Amino acid sequence: MNKIATEISLYIEENGIKQSYIAEKLGISPDLFSKTLLGQRRMPATEFFEICFILNVDPNYFYQKFISEKIA
């Protein structure tokens, strides 16, 4: 599973946000968004930035978690 997708999934779950809400805002099906979070589909960079915008989270938040995991 993609670590950034994992972090996004955890953030969504921890903050009580529905995946279907994010998918709707992205203009994709909830199934397609679920596949992205499960690592069954690559997340385009533009989609990553859109997700961050929708969540009102700085992209560096997820990137720093990704980098710290790589270093550890």
C-alpha atoms as a PDB file:
ATOM      1  CA  MET A   1       0.000   0.000   0.000  1.00  0.00           C
ATOM      2  CA  ASN A   2       1.183   3.492  -0.810  1.00  0.00           C
ATOM      3  CA  LYS A   3       2.308   5.165   2.426  1.00  0.00           C
ATOM      4  CA  ILE A   4       0.856   8.552   1.501  1.00  0.00           C
ATOM      5  CA  ALA A   5      -2.474   6.913   0.619  1.00  0.00           C
ATOM      6  CA  THR A   6      -2.331   5.127   3.974  1.00  0.00           C
ATOM      7  CA  GLU A   7      -1.750   8.406   5.804  1.00  0.00           C
ATOM      8  CA  ILE A   8      -4.623  10.055   3.937  1.00  0.00           C
ATOM      9  CA  SER A   9      -6.875   7.125   4.792  1.00  0.00           C
ATOM     10  CA  LEU A  10      -5.936   7.349   8.481  1.00  0.00           C
ATOM     11  CA  TYR A  11      -6.499  11.107   8.497  1.00  0.00           C
ATOM     12  CA  ILE A  12      -9.935  10.687   6.905  1.00  0.00           C
ATOM     13  CA  GLU A  13     -10.887   7.981   9.413  1.00  0.00           C
ATOM     14  CA  GLU A  14      -9.536   9.842  12.462  1.00  0.00           C
ATOM     15  CA  ASN A  15     -11.430  12.988  11.495  1.00  0.00           C
ATOM     16  CA  GLY A  16     -14.727  11.249  10.748  1.00  0.00           C
ATOM     17  CA  ILE A  17     -14.764  12.242   7.091  1.00  0.00           C
ATOM     18  CA  LYS A  18     -16.650  10.040   4.659  1.00  0.00           C
ATOM     19  CA  GLN A  19     -14.673   8.674   1.713  1.00  0.00           C
ATOM     20  CA  SER A  20     -17.756   9.240  -0.430  1.00  0.00           C
ATOM     21  CA  TYR A  21     -17.610  12.974   0.391  1.00  0.00           C
ATOM     22  CA  ILE A  22     -14.008  13.216  -0.824  1.00  0.00           C
ATOM     23  CA  ALA A  23     -14.789  11.148  -3.933  1.00  0.00           C
ATOM     24  CA  GLU A  24     -17.721  13.416  -4.766  1.00  0.00           C
ATOM     25  CA  LYS A  25     -15.540  16.525  -4.414  1.00  0.00           C
ATOM     26  CA  LEU A  26     -12.893  14.886  -6.632  1.00  0.00           C
ATOM     27  CA  GLY A  27     -15.507  13.979  -9.241  1.00  0.00           C
ATOM     28  CA  ILE A  28     -14.725  10.261  -9.098  1.00  0.00           C
ATOM     29  CA  SER A  29     -16.689   7.262  -7.884  1.00  0.00           C
ATOM     30  CA  PRO A  30     -16.375   6.194  -4.253  1.00  0.00           C
ATOM     31  CA  ASP A  31     -15.156   2.803  -5.536  1.00  0.00           C
ATOM     32  CA  LEU A  32     -12.328   4.410  -7.492  1.00  0.00           C
ATOM     33  CA  PHE A  33     -11.323   6.528  -4.496  1.00  0.00           C
ATOM     34  CA  SER A  34     -11.387   3.451  -2.267  1.00  0.00           C
ATOM     35  CA  LYS A  35      -9.084   1.651  -4.706  1.00  0.00           C
ATOM     36  CA  THR A  36      -6.708   4.598  -4.511  1.00  0.00           C
ATOM     37  CA  LEU A  37      -6.585   4.465  -0.718  1.00  0.00           C
ATOM     38  CA  LEU A  38      -6.078   0.699  -0.789  1.00  0.00           C
ATOM     39  CA  GLY A  39      -3.136   1.046  -3.193  1.00  0.00           C
ATOM     40  CA  GLN A  40      -4.958  -0.693  -6.033  1.00  0.00           C
ATOM     41  CA  ARG A  41      -4.761   2.457  -8.157  1.00  0.00           C
ATOM     42  CA  ARG A  42      -2.031   5.055  -8.473  1.00  0.00           C
ATOM     43  CA  MET A  43      -2.878   8.457  -7.098  1.00  0.00           C
ATOM     44  CA  PRO A  44      -2.064  11.158  -9.644  1.00  0.00           C
ATOM     45  CA  ALA A  45      -0.189  14.118  -8.163  1.00  0.00           C
ATOM     46  CA  THR A  46      -3.003  16.482  -9.117  1.00  0.00           C
ATOM     47  CA  GLU A  47      -5.456  14.286  -7.215  1.00  0.00           C
ATOM     48  CA  PHE A  48      -3.188  14.289  -4.158  1.00  0.00           C
ATOM     49  CA  PHE A  49      -3.163  18.088  -4.134  1.00  0.00           C
ATOM     50  CA  GLU A  50      -6.934  18.208  -4.637  1.00  0.00           C
ATOM     51  CA  ILE A  51      -7.411  15.861  -1.675  1.00  0.00           C
ATOM     52  CA  CYS A  52      -5.206  18.087   0.473  1.00  0.00           C
ATOM     53  CA  PHE A  53      -7.246  21.112  -0.612  1.00  0.00           C
ATOM     54  CA  ILE A  54     -10.532  19.335   0.176  1.00  0.00           C
ATOM     55  CA  LEU A  55      -9.210  18.299   3.602  1.00  0.00           C
ATOM     56  CA  ASN A  56      -7.720  21.756   4.154  1.00  0.00           C
ATOM     57  CA  VAL A  57      -4.379  20.114   4.988  1.00  0.00           C
ATOM     58  CA  ASP A  58      -0.973  21.272   3.826  1.00  0.00           C
ATOM     59  CA  PRO A  59       0.455  18.639   1.416  1.00  0.00           C
ATOM     60  CA  ASN A  60       3.648  18.654   3.473  1.00  0.00           C
ATOM     61  CA  TYR A  61       1.705  17.092   6.361  1.00  0.00           C
ATOM     62  CA  PHE A  62       1.393  13.786   4.471  1.00  0.00           C
ATOM     63  CA  TYR A  63       4.755  14.144   2.730  1.00  0.00           C
ATOM     64  CA  GLN A  64       6.624  14.593   6.031  1.00  0.00           C
ATOM     65  CA  LYS A  65       5.000  11.441   7.416  1.00  0.00           C
ATOM     66  CA  PHE A  66       6.046   9.615   4.247  1.00  0.00           C
ATOM     67  CA  ILE A  67       9.649  10.844   4.457  1.00  0.00           C
ATOM     68  CA  SER A  68       9.967  10.096   8.179  1.00  0.00           C
ATOM     69  CA  GLU A  69       8.789   6.529   7.521  1.00  0.00           C
ATOM     70  CA  LYS A  70      11.379   6.116   4.745  1.00  0.00           C
ATOM     71  CA  ILE A  71      14.203   7.310   7.013  1.00  0.00           C
ATOM     72  CA  ALA A  72      13.209   5.148  10.001  1.00  0.00           C
END
